[in-house]
Amino acid sequence: MLITAIISVVFIVVPIGCAWYLWRLDEPTKVDWVIAFLITAAVLILIILVGRWDIAGLRTRYSIGCLVLAASLLSLRRHIGRPWLIGDWKEIWHRHSTSLISLALLCGASIHVLTGTRRPPAAQAMNFPLTGGRFVVGQGGNIALLNYHHGHRAQRYASDITAVNAAGFRATTILPRDLSDYVIFGASVIRVRTHYSHQMTAAARLMAPMKFLMLRSKRVAMRRQSLKRQNMRSMTLRCL
């Protein structure tokens, strides 16, 4: 419950705070404004990529995006008539060195998250296991930041699937107390079948006669060896 509340606060309050920050921004030059805007945008992109929007609401994400866009446009309008640069670039670096380093780290984190959405080389296509609703993957990916299962070897590519209602929420309340509050409760589960399994089944059927012949020839060879050993023993006993 506490984690759900924290997630809701981080993924709703922080973006609204970013929109407020952009709207109140008052920088002396356009370069200063661009740096502040890029840092705020990097924070929002990272939140959007790793956010549990099935808890905070899928449509909440679009509402926050529109709010931040409106605040950015109003802030840009305020700074459009200001000079690009006052002084030299060294002064900009001394004034925004911490901000630029933070921007680089945030961009690196976003790239790392995006690499976690790639399919592994041995991935197999399969049909979706649920039917009768709208579903999202709450936990899934190639990195622990997107998928907490990834840290366990046996569950590395496991995924948590949740259903959402028309408003984009996984439950009727932010902090559900009963299983029936979840939208996915009672959803129909269908049989999961992969294209790879069909190929293996067809290959197994084709190989079955060959495997039977190989086993039969092996048994015949073993039988012959056994008869030879028995004949040699009988001949030895006769000589004695």
C-alpha atoms as a PDB file:
ATOM      1  CA  MET A   1       0.000   0.000   0.000  1.00  0.00           C
ATOM      2  CA  LEU A   2       2.772   2.418   0.925  1.00  0.00           C
ATOM      3  CA  ILE A   3       4.676   1.670  -2.294  1.00  0.00           C
ATOM      4  CA  THR A   4       1.532   2.304  -4.345  1.00  0.00           C
ATOM      5  CA  ALA A   5       1.004   5.642  -2.621  1.00  0.00           C
ATOM      6  CA  ILE A   6       4.632   6.651  -3.204  1.00  0.00           C
ATOM      7  CA  ILE A   7       4.389   5.668  -6.878  1.00  0.00           C
ATOM      8  CA  SER A   8       1.242   7.758  -7.293  1.00  0.00           C
ATOM      9  CA  VAL A   9       2.907  10.775  -5.682  1.00  0.00           C
ATOM     10  CA  VAL A  10       6.126  10.482  -7.705  1.00  0.00           C
ATOM     11  CA  PHE A  11       4.442   9.983 -11.066  1.00  0.00           C
ATOM     12  CA  ILE A  12       1.793  12.693 -10.581  1.00  0.00           C
ATOM     13  CA  VAL A  13       3.143  15.307  -8.165  1.00  0.00           C
ATOM     14  CA  VAL A  14       6.669  15.462  -9.624  1.00  0.00           C
ATOM     15  CA  PRO A  15       5.507  16.073 -13.244  1.00  0.00           C
ATOM     16  CA  ILE A  16       3.089  18.742 -12.030  1.00  0.00           C
ATOM     17  CA  GLY A  17       5.979  20.315 -10.120  1.00  0.00           C
ATOM     18  CA  CYS A  18       8.052  20.254 -13.312  1.00  0.00           C
ATOM     19  CA  ALA A  19       5.262  22.035 -15.180  1.00  0.00           C
ATOM     20  CA  TRP A  20       5.086  24.645 -12.419  1.00  0.00           C
ATOM     21  CA  TYR A  21       8.872  25.085 -12.568  1.00  0.00           C
ATOM     22  CA  LEU A  22       8.805  25.668 -16.329  1.00  0.00           C
ATOM     23  CA  TRP A  23       5.933  28.121 -16.072  1.00  0.00           C
ATOM     24  CA  ARG A  24       7.726  30.148 -13.380  1.00  0.00           C
ATOM     25  CA  LEU A  25      11.109  29.984 -15.124  1.00  0.00           C
ATOM     26  CA  ASP A  26      12.806  33.351 -15.578  1.00  0.00           C
ATOM     27  CA  GLU A  27      16.278  33.086 -17.109  1.00  0.00           C
ATOM     28  CA  PRO A  28      18.447  35.958 -18.441  1.00  0.00           C
ATOM     29  CA  THR A  29      19.232  34.253 -21.776  1.00  0.00           C
ATOM     30  CA  LYS A  30      17.776  31.688 -24.124  1.00  0.00           C
ATOM     31  CA  VAL A  31      20.725  29.346 -23.523  1.00  0.00           C
ATOM     32  CA  ASP A  32      19.944  29.313 -19.800  1.00  0.00           C
ATOM     33  CA  TRP A  33      16.314  28.578 -20.585  1.00  0.00           C
ATOM     34  CA  VAL A  34      17.209  25.753 -22.990  1.00  0.00           C
ATOM     35  CA  ILE A  35      19.423  24.085 -20.370  1.00  0.00           C
ATOM     36  CA  ALA A  36      16.688  24.301 -17.720  1.00  0.00           C
ATOM     37  CA  PHE A  37      14.096  23.014 -20.197  1.00  0.00           C
ATOM     38  CA  LEU A  38      16.246  20.053 -21.289  1.00  0.00           C
ATOM     39  CA  ILE A  39      16.857  18.951 -17.698  1.00  0.00           C
ATOM     40  CA  THR A  40      13.144  19.124 -16.900  1.00  0.00           C
ATOM     41  CA  ALA A  41      12.289  17.245 -20.098  1.00  0.00           C
ATOM     42  CA  ALA A  42      14.872  14.532 -19.291  1.00  0.00           C
ATOM     43  CA  VAL A  43      13.325  14.018 -15.856  1.00  0.00           C
ATOM     44  CA  LEU A  44       9.832  13.737 -17.348  1.00  0.00           C
ATOM     45  CA  ILE A  45      10.944  11.314 -20.076  1.00  0.00           C
ATOM     46  CA  LEU A  46      12.564   9.035 -17.504  1.00  0.00           C
ATOM     47  CA  ILE A  47       9.427   9.118 -15.345  1.00  0.00           C
ATOM     48  CA  ILE A  48       7.251   8.306 -18.360  1.00  0.00           C
ATOM     49  CA  LEU A  49       9.488   5.374 -19.339  1.00  0.00           C
ATOM     50  CA  VAL A  50       9.661   3.700 -15.916  1.00  0.00           C
ATOM     51  CA  GLY A  51       6.312   4.834 -14.490  1.00  0.00           C
ATOM     52  CA  ARG A  52       3.599   2.410 -13.415  1.00  0.00           C
ATOM     53  CA  TRP A  53       0.877   4.217 -15.302  1.00  0.00           C
ATOM     54  CA  ASP A  54      -1.595   1.419 -14.724  1.00  0.00           C
ATOM     55  CA  ILE A  55      -1.588   2.668 -11.100  1.00  0.00           C
ATOM     56  CA  ALA A  56      -1.428   6.409 -11.765  1.00  0.00           C
ATOM     57  CA  GLY A  57      -3.704   6.136 -14.820  1.00  0.00           C
ATOM     58  CA  LEU A  58      -2.840   5.819 -18.499  1.00  0.00           C
ATOM     59  CA  ARG A  59      -4.790   8.955 -19.362  1.00  0.00           C
ATOM     60  CA  THR A  60      -3.103  10.808 -16.524  1.00  0.00           C
ATOM     61  CA  ARG A  61       0.114  10.483 -18.499  1.00  0.00           C
ATOM     62  CA  TYR A  62      -1.418  12.310 -21.471  1.00  0.00           C
ATOM     63  CA  SER A  63      -2.939  14.987 -19.240  1.00  0.00           C
ATOM     64  CA  ILE A  64       0.435  15.641 -17.606  1.00  0.00           C
ATOM     65  CA  GLY A  65       2.084  15.771 -21.028  1.00  0.00           C
ATOM     66  CA  CYS A  66      -0.390  18.422 -22.207  1.00  0.00           C
ATOM     67  CA  LEU A  67       0.112  20.412 -18.992  1.00  0.00           C
ATOM     68  CA  VAL A  68       3.911  20.377 -19.362  1.00  0.00           C
ATOM     69  CA  LEU A  69       3.656  21.324 -23.037  1.00  0.00           C
ATOM     70  CA  ALA A  70       1.425  24.308 -22.221  1.00  0.00           C
ATOM     71  CA  ALA A  71       3.788  25.451 -19.453  1.00  0.00           C
ATOM     72  CA  SER A  72       6.767  25.113 -21.811  1.00  0.00           C
ATOM     73  CA  LEU A  73       5.106  27.196 -24.514  1.00  0.00           C
ATOM     74  CA  LEU A  74       4.186  29.945 -22.046  1.00  0.00           C
ATOM     75  CA  SER A  75       7.730  29.936 -20.674  1.00  0.00           C
ATOM     76  CA  LEU A  76       9.211  30.059 -24.178  1.00  0.00           C
ATOM     77  CA  ARG A  77       7.003  33.002 -25.047  1.00  0.00           C
ATOM     78  CA  ARG A  78       8.396  34.864 -22.051  1.00  0.00           C
ATOM     79  CA  HIS A  79      11.998  34.206 -23.113  1.00  0.00           C
ATOM     80  CA  ILE A  80      11.649  34.555 -26.878  1.00  0.00           C
ATOM     81  CA  GLY A  81      12.792  38.183 -26.906  1.00  0.00           C
ATOM     82  CA  ARG A  82      15.830  37.694 -24.664  1.00  0.00           C
ATOM     83  CA  PRO A  83      19.417  37.386 -25.964  1.00  0.00           C
ATOM     84  CA  TRP A  84      20.887  33.992 -26.699  1.00  0.00           C
ATOM     85  CA  LEU A  85      24.025  34.481 -24.678  1.00  0.00           C
ATOM     86  CA  ILE A  86      25.539  36.983 -22.257  1.00  0.00           C
ATOM     87  CA  GLY A  87      29.283  36.587 -21.801  1.00  0.00           C
ATOM     88  CA  ASP A  88      31.122  33.517 -23.097  1.00  0.00           C
ATOM     89  CA  TRP A  89      30.574  29.742 -22.964  1.00  0.00           C
ATOM     90  CA  LYS A  90      33.016  29.355 -20.075  1.00  0.00           C
ATOM     91  CA  GLU A  91      30.727  31.443 -17.939  1.00  0.00           C
ATOM     92  CA  ILE A  92      27.793  29.251 -18.983  1.00  0.00           C
ATOM     93  CA  TRP A  93      29.780  26.140 -17.996  1.00  0.00           C
ATOM     94  CA  HIS A  94      30.693  27.561 -14.583  1.00  0.00           C
ATOM     95  CA  ARG A  95      27.099  28.533 -13.991  1.00  0.00           C
ATOM     96  CA  HIS A  96      25.481  25.302 -15.208  1.00  0.00           C
ATOM     97  CA  SER A  97      28.198  22.639 -14.871  1.00  0.00           C
ATOM     98  CA  THR A  98      26.193  20.666 -12.285  1.00  0.00           C
ATOM     99  CA  SER A  99      23.052  20.934 -14.404  1.00  0.00           C
ATOM    100  CA  LEU A 100      24.841  19.741 -17.551  1.00  0.00           C
ATOM    101  CA  ILE A 101      26.349  16.755 -15.738  1.00  0.00           C
ATOM    102  CA  SER A 102      22.894  15.894 -14.380  1.00  0.00           C
ATOM    103  CA  LEU A 103      21.490  16.182 -17.900  1.00  0.00           C
ATOM    104  CA  ALA A 104      24.087  13.738 -19.225  1.00  0.00           C
ATOM    105  CA  LEU A 105      23.300  11.253 -16.449  1.00  0.00           C
ATOM    106  CA  LEU A 106      19.555  11.517 -17.068  1.00  0.00           C
ATOM    107  CA  CYS A 107      20.034  10.968 -20.797  1.00  0.00           C
ATOM    108  CA  GLY A 108      22.216   7.944 -20.091  1.00  0.00           C
ATOM    109  CA  ALA A 109      19.562   6.521 -17.750  1.00  0.00           C
ATOM    110  CA  SER A 110      16.861   6.986 -20.416  1.00  0.00           C
ATOM    111  CA  ILE A 111      19.016   5.230 -23.027  1.00  0.00           C
ATOM    112  CA  HIS A 112      19.622   2.386 -20.569  1.00  0.00           C
ATOM    113  CA  VAL A 113      15.871   2.030 -20.036  1.00  0.00           C
ATOM    114  CA  LEU A 114      15.222   2.003 -23.775  1.00  0.00           C
ATOM    115  CA  THR A 115      17.766  -0.787 -24.270  1.00  0.00           C
ATOM    116  CA  GLY A 116      15.784  -2.808 -21.721  1.00  0.00           C
ATOM    117  CA  THR A 117      12.772  -2.841 -24.057  1.00  0.00           C
ATOM    118  CA  ARG A 118      14.603  -4.784 -26.783  1.00  0.00           C
ATOM    119  CA  ARG A 119      13.705  -8.408 -27.358  1.00  0.00           C
ATOM    120  CA  PRO A 120      16.390 -10.961 -26.481  1.00  0.00           C
ATOM    121  CA  PRO A 121      17.872 -12.939 -29.410  1.00  0.00           C
ATOM    122  CA  ALA A 122      16.093 -16.169 -28.436  1.00  0.00           C
ATOM    123  CA  ALA A 123      12.650 -14.555 -28.028  1.00  0.00           C
ATOM    124  CA  GLN A 124       9.706 -16.548 -29.379  1.00  0.00           C
ATOM    125  CA  ALA A 125       6.374 -15.152 -30.585  1.00  0.00           C
ATOM    126  CA  MET A 126       3.347 -16.349 -28.633  1.00  0.00           C
ATOM    127  CA  ASN A 127      -0.305 -15.496 -28.385  1.00  0.00           C
ATOM    128  CA  PHE A 128      -1.511 -13.239 -25.560  1.00  0.00           C
ATOM    129  CA  PRO A 129      -2.615 -15.297 -22.529  1.00  0.00           C
ATOM    130  CA  LEU A 130      -5.630 -13.144 -21.560  1.00  0.00           C
ATOM    131  CA  THR A 131      -8.775 -12.097 -23.361  1.00  0.00           C
ATOM    132  CA  GLY A 132     -11.807  -9.913 -22.832  1.00  0.00           C
ATOM    133  CA  GLY A 133     -10.323  -6.540 -21.821  1.00  0.00           C
ATOM    134  CA  ARG A 134      -7.544  -3.979 -22.085  1.00  0.00           C
ATOM    135  CA  PHE A 135      -4.227  -5.165 -20.677  1.00  0.00           C
ATOM    136  CA  VAL A 136      -0.828  -3.601 -20.035  1.00  0.00           C
ATOM    137  CA  VAL A 137       2.507  -5.050 -18.937  1.00  0.00           C
ATOM    138  CA  GLY A 138       3.225  -3.676 -15.469  1.00  0.00           C
ATOM    139  CA  GLN A 139       6.614  -5.365 -15.091  1.00  0.00           C
ATOM    140  CA  GLY A 140       8.523  -6.580 -18.123  1.00  0.00           C
ATOM    141  CA  GLY A 141      11.825  -6.043 -19.909  1.00  0.00           C
ATOM    142  CA  ASN A 142      15.519  -6.926 -19.981  1.00  0.00           C
ATOM    143  CA  ILE A 143      16.619  -4.770 -17.025  1.00  0.00           C
ATOM    144  CA  ALA A 144      15.714  -4.733 -13.353  1.00  0.00           C
ATOM    145  CA  LEU A 145      14.558  -1.112 -13.541  1.00  0.00           C
ATOM    146  CA  LEU A 146      11.688  -2.173 -15.797  1.00  0.00           C
ATOM    147  CA  ASN A 147      11.231  -5.723 -14.538  1.00  0.00           C
ATOM    148  CA  TYR A 148      12.002  -6.723 -10.950  1.00  0.00           C
ATOM    149  CA  HIS A 149      11.886 -10.383 -12.064  1.00  0.00           C
ATOM    150  CA  HIS A 150      15.062  -9.859 -14.072  1.00  0.00           C
ATOM    151  CA  GLY A 151      17.255 -10.262 -11.006  1.00  0.00           C
ATOM    152  CA  HIS A 152      16.117 -13.895 -10.581  1.00  0.00           C
ATOM    153  CA  ARG A 153      17.603 -16.327 -13.075  1.00  0.00           C
ATOM    154  CA  ALA A 154      14.517 -18.546 -13.238  1.00  0.00           C
ATOM    155  CA  GLN A 155      12.180 -15.539 -13.699  1.00  0.00           C
ATOM    156  CA  ARG A 156      14.444 -13.327 -15.817  1.00  0.00           C
ATOM    157  CA  TYR A 157      11.929 -12.788 -18.613  1.00  0.00           C
ATOM    158  CA  ALA A 158       8.729 -13.121 -16.590  1.00  0.00           C
ATOM    159  CA  SER A 159       6.121 -10.383 -16.940  1.00  0.00           C
ATOM    160  CA  ASP A 160       3.335  -9.006 -14.766  1.00  0.00           C
ATOM    161  CA  ILE A 161       0.183  -8.268 -16.753  1.00  0.00           C
ATOM    162  CA  THR A 162      -2.601  -6.039 -15.435  1.00  0.00           C
ATOM    163  CA  ALA A 163      -5.942  -5.015 -16.892  1.00  0.00           C
ATOM    164  CA  VAL A 164      -7.130  -1.407 -16.997  1.00  0.00           C
ATOM    165  CA  ASN A 165     -10.585   0.107 -17.140  1.00  0.00           C
ATOM    166  CA  ALA A 166     -11.827   2.776 -19.539  1.00  0.00           C
ATOM    167  CA  ALA A 167     -10.073   5.499 -17.510  1.00  0.00           C
ATOM    168  CA  GLY A 168      -6.769   3.616 -17.667  1.00  0.00           C
ATOM    169  CA  PHE A 169      -6.561   2.463 -14.025  1.00  0.00           C
ATOM    170  CA  ARG A 170      -5.836  -1.098 -12.897  1.00  0.00           C
ATOM    171  CA  ALA A 171      -8.375  -0.927 -10.043  1.00  0.00           C
ATOM    172  CA  THR A 172     -11.421   1.019  -8.949  1.00  0.00           C
ATOM    173  CA  THR A 173      -9.338   2.766  -6.257  1.00  0.00           C
ATOM    174  CA  ILE A 174      -5.708   3.879  -5.985  1.00  0.00           C
ATOM    175  CA  LEU A 175      -5.202   1.636  -2.928  1.00  0.00           C
ATOM    176  CA  PRO A 176      -7.359  -1.476  -3.549  1.00  0.00           C
ATOM    177  CA  ARG A 177      -8.178  -3.551  -0.467  1.00  0.00           C
ATOM    178  CA  ASP A 178      -9.901  -6.501  -2.091  1.00  0.00           C
ATOM    179  CA  LEU A 179      -9.016  -8.666  -5.094  1.00  0.00           C
ATOM    180  CA  SER A 180     -12.366  -7.879  -6.704  1.00  0.00           C
ATOM    181  CA  ASP A 181     -11.317  -4.209  -6.878  1.00  0.00           C
ATOM    182  CA  TYR A 182      -8.799  -5.092  -9.570  1.00  0.00           C
ATOM    183  CA  VAL A 183     -10.032  -4.932 -13.166  1.00  0.00           C
ATOM    184  CA  ILE A 184      -8.172  -8.142 -14.059  1.00  0.00           C
ATOM    185  CA  PHE A 185     -10.065 -10.134 -11.416  1.00  0.00           C
ATOM    186  CA  GLY A 186     -12.086 -12.834 -13.214  1.00  0.00           C
ATOM    187  CA  ALA A 187     -10.429 -12.354 -16.616  1.00  0.00           C
ATOM    188  CA  SER A 188     -10.332 -15.423 -18.855  1.00  0.00           C
ATOM    189  CA  VAL A 189      -6.961 -17.115 -19.310  1.00  0.00           C
ATOM    190  CA  ILE A 190      -6.368 -18.911 -22.602  1.00  0.00           C
ATOM    191  CA  ARG A 191      -3.778 -21.472 -23.548  1.00  0.00           C
ATOM    192  CA  VAL A 192      -0.396 -20.010 -24.470  1.00  0.00           C
ATOM    193  CA  ARG A 193       1.065 -21.490 -27.637  1.00  0.00           C
ATOM    194  CA  THR A 194       4.223 -20.432 -29.413  1.00  0.00           C
ATOM    195  CA  HIS A 195       5.236 -20.616 -33.048  1.00  0.00           C
ATOM    196  CA  TYR A 196       8.400 -22.319 -31.874  1.00  0.00           C
ATOM    197  CA  SER A 197       6.421 -25.115 -30.201  1.00  0.00           C
ATOM    198  CA  HIS A 198       4.511 -25.750 -33.449  1.00  0.00           C
ATOM    199  CA  GLN A 199       7.781 -26.026 -35.341  1.00  0.00           C
ATOM    200  CA  MET A 200       9.198 -28.385 -32.751  1.00  0.00           C
ATOM    201  CA  THR A 201       6.066 -30.526 -32.860  1.00  0.00           C
ATOM    202  CA  ALA A 202       6.230 -30.798 -36.639  1.00  0.00           C
ATOM    203  CA  ALA A 203       9.943 -31.574 -36.511  1.00  0.00           C
ATOM    204  CA  ALA A 204       9.382 -34.174 -33.831  1.00  0.00           C
ATOM    205  CA  ARG A 205       6.758 -35.873 -35.988  1.00  0.00           C
ATOM    206  CA  LEU A 206       9.123 -35.970 -38.941  1.00  0.00           C
ATOM    207  CA  MET A 207      11.964 -37.309 -36.831  1.00  0.00           C
ATOM    208  CA  ALA A 208       9.889 -39.953 -35.052  1.00  0.00           C
ATOM    209  CA  PRO A 209      10.266 -42.711 -37.718  1.00  0.00           C
ATOM    210  CA  MET A 210      14.002 -42.005 -38.016  1.00  0.00           C
ATOM    211  CA  LYS A 211      14.432 -42.174 -34.254  1.00  0.00           C
ATOM    212  CA  PHE A 212      12.530 -45.474 -34.211  1.00  0.00           C
ATOM    213  CA  LEU A 213      14.800 -46.950 -36.893  1.00  0.00           C
ATOM    214  CA  MET A 214      17.912 -45.728 -35.077  1.00  0.00           C
ATOM    215  CA  LEU A 215      16.756 -47.301 -31.809  1.00  0.00           C
ATOM    216  CA  ARG A 216      15.847 -50.533 -33.577  1.00  0.00           C
ATOM    217  CA  SER A 217      19.221 -50.769 -35.327  1.00  0.00           C
ATOM    218  CA  LYS A 218      20.967 -50.050 -32.041  1.00  0.00           C
ATOM    219  CA  ARG A 219      19.063 -52.826 -30.303  1.00  0.00           C
ATOM    220  CA  VAL A 220      19.875 -55.238 -33.150  1.00  0.00           C
ATOM    221  CA  ALA A 221      23.581 -54.374 -32.878  1.00  0.00           C
ATOM    222  CA  MET A 222      23.518 -54.879 -29.120  1.00  0.00           C
ATOM    223  CA  ARG A 223      21.757 -58.220 -29.617  1.00  0.00           C
ATOM    224  CA  ARG A 224      24.417 -59.365 -32.087  1.00  0.00           C
ATOM    225  CA  GLN A 225      27.219 -58.413 -29.724  1.00  0.00           C
ATOM    226  CA  SER A 226      25.516 -60.333 -26.955  1.00  0.00           C
ATOM    227  CA  LEU A 227      25.217 -63.451 -29.191  1.00  0.00           C
ATOM    228  CA  LYS A 228      28.896 -63.207 -30.154  1.00  0.00           C
ATOM    229  CA  ARG A 229      29.912 -63.081 -26.503  1.00  0.00           C
ATOM    230  CA  GLN A 230      27.775 -66.112 -25.719  1.00  0.00           C
ATOM    231  CA  ASN A 231      29.280 -68.084 -28.649  1.00  0.00           C
ATOM    232  CA  MET A 232      32.808 -67.201 -27.514  1.00  0.00           C
ATOM    233  CA  ARG A 233      32.035 -68.372 -23.977  1.00  0.00           C
ATOM    234  CA  SER A 234      30.576 -71.642 -25.232  1.00  0.00           C
ATOM    235  CA  MET A 235      33.632 -72.284 -27.423  1.00  0.00           C
ATOM    236  CA  THR A 236      35.946 -71.593 -24.487  1.00  0.00           C
ATOM    237  CA  LEU A 237      34.073 -74.058 -22.302  1.00  0.00           C
ATOM    238  CA  ARG A 238      34.298 -76.761 -25.008  1.00  0.00           C
ATOM    239  CA  CYS A 239      38.017 -76.309 -25.305  1.00  0.00           C
ATOM    240  CA  LEU A 240      38.370 -76.729 -21.548  1.00  0.00           C
END
